[in-house]
Amino acid sequence: MIAPANAYDEFIDMHADGPDVIFDERRKTPRMQVQLPGIVVFEDQAASACVIRDINYRGARIKVFTKNALPKVFDLFIPKKDLHRQVRVIWRLDGEAGVQFCR
């Protein structure tokens, strides 16, 4: 996986035509609330649908629809933005997960 030359530029480019922006000012790095379809790609190349709920240049919160447990590290694909990133799970709760983009 190739890291972007500038993560901030990639983040802004992803959301240039995005929906309403709502920031939670309590975060060190604000997140943009979105409803983007995504795909979790497992190591064996199996895939499962997800929805990206919020995102910033450091990570995202995703809603998963798989009964299989998410591995600690997996690939996240956002087709609408043609974005492929390896991610690491930071937290999990009630079908959602917070993921950090790997560098």
C-alpha atoms as a PDB file:
ATOM      1  CA  MET A   1       0.000   0.000   0.000  1.00  0.00           C
ATOM      2  CA  ILE A   2       1.439   3.377  -1.018  1.00  0.00           C
ATOM      3  CA  ALA A   3       1.166   6.166   1.540  1.00  0.00           C
ATOM      4  CA  PRO A   4      -0.100   9.506   0.222  1.00  0.00           C
ATOM      5  CA  ALA A   5       2.434  12.255  -0.312  1.00  0.00           C
ATOM      6  CA  ASN A   6       0.355  14.506   1.894  1.00  0.00           C
ATOM      7  CA  ALA A   7      -2.317  12.933   4.126  1.00  0.00           C
ATOM      8  CA  TYR A   8      -4.077  16.278   4.643  1.00  0.00           C
ATOM      9  CA  ASP A   9      -4.431  16.833   0.890  1.00  0.00           C
ATOM     10  CA  GLU A  10      -5.813  13.301   0.480  1.00  0.00           C
ATOM     11  CA  PHE A  11      -8.353  13.917   3.257  1.00  0.00           C
ATOM     12  CA  ILE A  12      -9.509  17.217   1.745  1.00  0.00           C
ATOM     13  CA  ASP A  13      -9.688  15.670  -1.739  1.00  0.00           C
ATOM     14  CA  MET A  14     -11.856  12.828  -0.411  1.00  0.00           C
ATOM     15  CA  HIS A  15     -14.388  15.295   0.941  1.00  0.00           C
ATOM     16  CA  ALA A  16     -14.321  18.107  -1.593  1.00  0.00           C
ATOM     17  CA  ASP A  17     -17.780  17.078  -2.791  1.00  0.00           C
ATOM     18  CA  GLY A  18     -18.808  15.552   0.544  1.00  0.00           C
ATOM     19  CA  PRO A  19     -22.015  15.955   2.536  1.00  0.00           C
ATOM     20  CA  ASP A  20     -22.674  18.454   5.318  1.00  0.00           C
ATOM     21  CA  VAL A  21     -19.657  18.855   7.549  1.00  0.00           C
ATOM     22  CA  ILE A  22     -20.099  18.501  11.302  1.00  0.00           C
ATOM     23  CA  PHE A  23     -17.058  18.680  13.527  1.00  0.00           C
ATOM     24  CA  ASP A  24     -16.786  17.516  17.119  1.00  0.00           C
ATOM     25  CA  GLU A  25     -14.500  20.185  18.536  1.00  0.00           C
ATOM     26  CA  ARG A  26     -13.502  18.041  21.519  1.00  0.00           C
ATOM     27  CA  ARG A  27     -11.219  15.924  19.339  1.00  0.00           C
ATOM     28  CA  LYS A  28      -7.563  16.746  18.802  1.00  0.00           C
ATOM     29  CA  THR A  29      -8.124  16.063  15.123  1.00  0.00           C
ATOM     30  CA  PRO A  30     -11.685  16.909  14.008  1.00  0.00           C
ATOM     31  CA  ARG A  31     -13.635  14.245  12.154  1.00  0.00           C
ATOM     32  CA  MET A  32     -16.019  14.804   9.291  1.00  0.00           C
ATOM     33  CA  GLN A  33     -19.318  12.956   9.577  1.00  0.00           C
ATOM     34  CA  VAL A  34     -20.060  10.999   6.401  1.00  0.00           C
ATOM     35  CA  GLN A  35     -22.145   8.054   5.230  1.00  0.00           C
ATOM     36  CA  LEU A  36     -19.848   6.387   2.699  1.00  0.00           C
ATOM     37  CA  PRO A  37     -20.177   2.738   1.695  1.00  0.00           C
ATOM     38  CA  GLY A  38     -16.986   0.813   2.279  1.00  0.00           C
ATOM     39  CA  ILE A  39     -15.548  -2.672   2.023  1.00  0.00           C
ATOM     40  CA  VAL A  40     -13.509  -4.491   4.648  1.00  0.00           C
ATOM     41  CA  VAL A  41     -10.997  -6.743   2.863  1.00  0.00           C
ATOM     42  CA  PHE A  42      -9.621  -9.583   4.948  1.00  0.00           C
ATOM     43  CA  GLU A  43      -6.188 -11.175   4.583  1.00  0.00           C
ATOM     44  CA  ASP A  44      -7.676 -14.135   2.664  1.00  0.00           C
ATOM     45  CA  GLN A  45      -9.228 -11.583   0.229  1.00  0.00           C
ATOM     46  CA  ALA A  46     -12.752 -12.247   1.543  1.00  0.00           C
ATOM     47  CA  ALA A  47     -14.752  -9.025   1.804  1.00  0.00           C
ATOM     48  CA  SER A  48     -17.576  -7.571   3.876  1.00  0.00           C
ATOM     49  CA  ALA A  49     -19.638  -4.400   3.526  1.00  0.00           C
ATOM     50  CA  CYS A  50     -19.309  -1.524   5.975  1.00  0.00           C
ATOM     51  CA  VAL A  51     -20.301   2.125   6.268  1.00  0.00           C
ATOM     52  CA  ILE A  52     -17.800   4.845   7.107  1.00  0.00           C
ATOM     53  CA  ARG A  53     -19.557   7.051   9.704  1.00  0.00           C
ATOM     54  CA  ASP A  54     -16.846   9.636  10.287  1.00  0.00           C
ATOM     55  CA  ILE A  55     -13.350  10.185   9.017  1.00  0.00           C
ATOM     56  CA  ASN A  56     -10.256  12.363   9.253  1.00  0.00           C
ATOM     57  CA  TYR A  57      -6.759  12.022   7.872  1.00  0.00           C
ATOM     58  CA  ARG A  58      -5.744   9.786  10.809  1.00  0.00           C
ATOM     59  CA  GLY A  59      -8.611   7.294  10.869  1.00  0.00           C
ATOM     60  CA  ALA A  60     -12.321   6.559  10.765  1.00  0.00           C
ATOM     61  CA  ARG A  61     -15.298   5.095  12.567  1.00  0.00           C
ATOM     62  CA  ILE A  62     -16.934   2.274  10.643  1.00  0.00           C
ATOM     63  CA  LYS A  63     -20.150   0.284  11.033  1.00  0.00           C
ATOM     64  CA  VAL A  64     -19.590  -3.355  10.093  1.00  0.00           C
ATOM     65  CA  PHE A  65     -22.149  -5.909   8.944  1.00  0.00           C
ATOM     66  CA  THR A  66     -20.123  -9.093   9.294  1.00  0.00           C
ATOM     67  CA  LYS A  67     -20.642 -11.764  11.901  1.00  0.00           C
ATOM     68  CA  ASN A  68     -16.939 -12.550  11.626  1.00  0.00           C
ATOM     69  CA  ALA A  69     -14.665 -10.758  14.038  1.00  0.00           C
ATOM     70  CA  LEU A  70     -12.606  -7.961  12.542  1.00  0.00           C
ATOM     71  CA  PRO A  71      -8.902  -8.732  12.595  1.00  0.00           C
ATOM     72  CA  LYS A  72      -6.582  -6.243  14.287  1.00  0.00           C
ATOM     73  CA  VAL A  73      -5.275  -5.103  10.862  1.00  0.00           C
ATOM     74  CA  PHE A  74      -7.140  -5.202   7.536  1.00  0.00           C
ATOM     75  CA  ASP A  75      -7.597  -3.250   4.301  1.00  0.00           C
ATOM     76  CA  LEU A  76     -10.406  -0.722   3.991  1.00  0.00           C
ATOM     77  CA  PHE A  77     -11.677   0.198   0.524  1.00  0.00           C
ATOM     78  CA  ILE A  78     -13.936   3.203  -0.115  1.00  0.00           C
ATOM     79  CA  PRO A  79     -15.144   2.723  -3.719  1.00  0.00           C
ATOM     80  CA  LYS A  80     -16.719   6.190  -4.147  1.00  0.00           C
ATOM     81  CA  LYS A  81     -13.322   7.770  -3.453  1.00  0.00           C
ATOM     82  CA  ASP A  82     -11.209   4.947  -4.966  1.00  0.00           C
ATOM     83  CA  LEU A  83      -9.307   4.844  -1.665  1.00  0.00           C
ATOM     84  CA  HIS A  84      -7.510   1.727  -0.392  1.00  0.00           C
ATOM     85  CA  ARG A  85      -5.859   1.936   3.036  1.00  0.00           C
ATOM     86  CA  GLN A  86      -4.515  -0.557   5.502  1.00  0.00           C
ATOM     87  CA  VAL A  87      -6.064   0.126   8.916  1.00  0.00           C
ATOM     88  CA  ARG A  88      -5.552  -0.950  12.518  1.00  0.00           C
ATOM     89  CA  VAL A  89      -8.498  -1.394  14.908  1.00  0.00           C
ATOM     90  CA  ILE A  90      -8.254   0.905  17.943  1.00  0.00           C
ATOM     91  CA  TRP A  91     -11.639   0.146  19.536  1.00  0.00           C
ATOM     92  CA  ARG A  92     -14.771  -1.962  18.921  1.00  0.00           C
ATOM     93  CA  LEU A  93     -18.293  -1.505  20.290  1.00  0.00           C
ATOM     94  CA  ASP A  94     -21.746  -2.697  19.189  1.00  0.00           C
ATOM     95  CA  GLY A  95     -20.945  -3.370  15.534  1.00  0.00           C
ATOM     96  CA  GLU A  96     -18.758  -0.308  15.132  1.00  0.00           C
ATOM     97  CA  ALA A  97     -14.991   0.070  15.160  1.00  0.00           C
ATOM     98  CA  GLY A  98     -12.571   2.951  15.324  1.00  0.00           C
ATOM     99  CA  VAL A  99      -9.684   2.407  12.932  1.00  0.00           C
ATOM    100  CA  GLN A 100      -6.387   4.192  12.448  1.00  0.00           C
ATOM    101  CA  PHE A 101      -4.843   4.492   8.990  1.00  0.00           C
ATOM    102  CA  CYS A 102      -1.487   2.714   8.881  1.00  0.00           C
ATOM    103  CA  ARG A 103       1.418   4.609   7.391  1.00  0.00           C
END
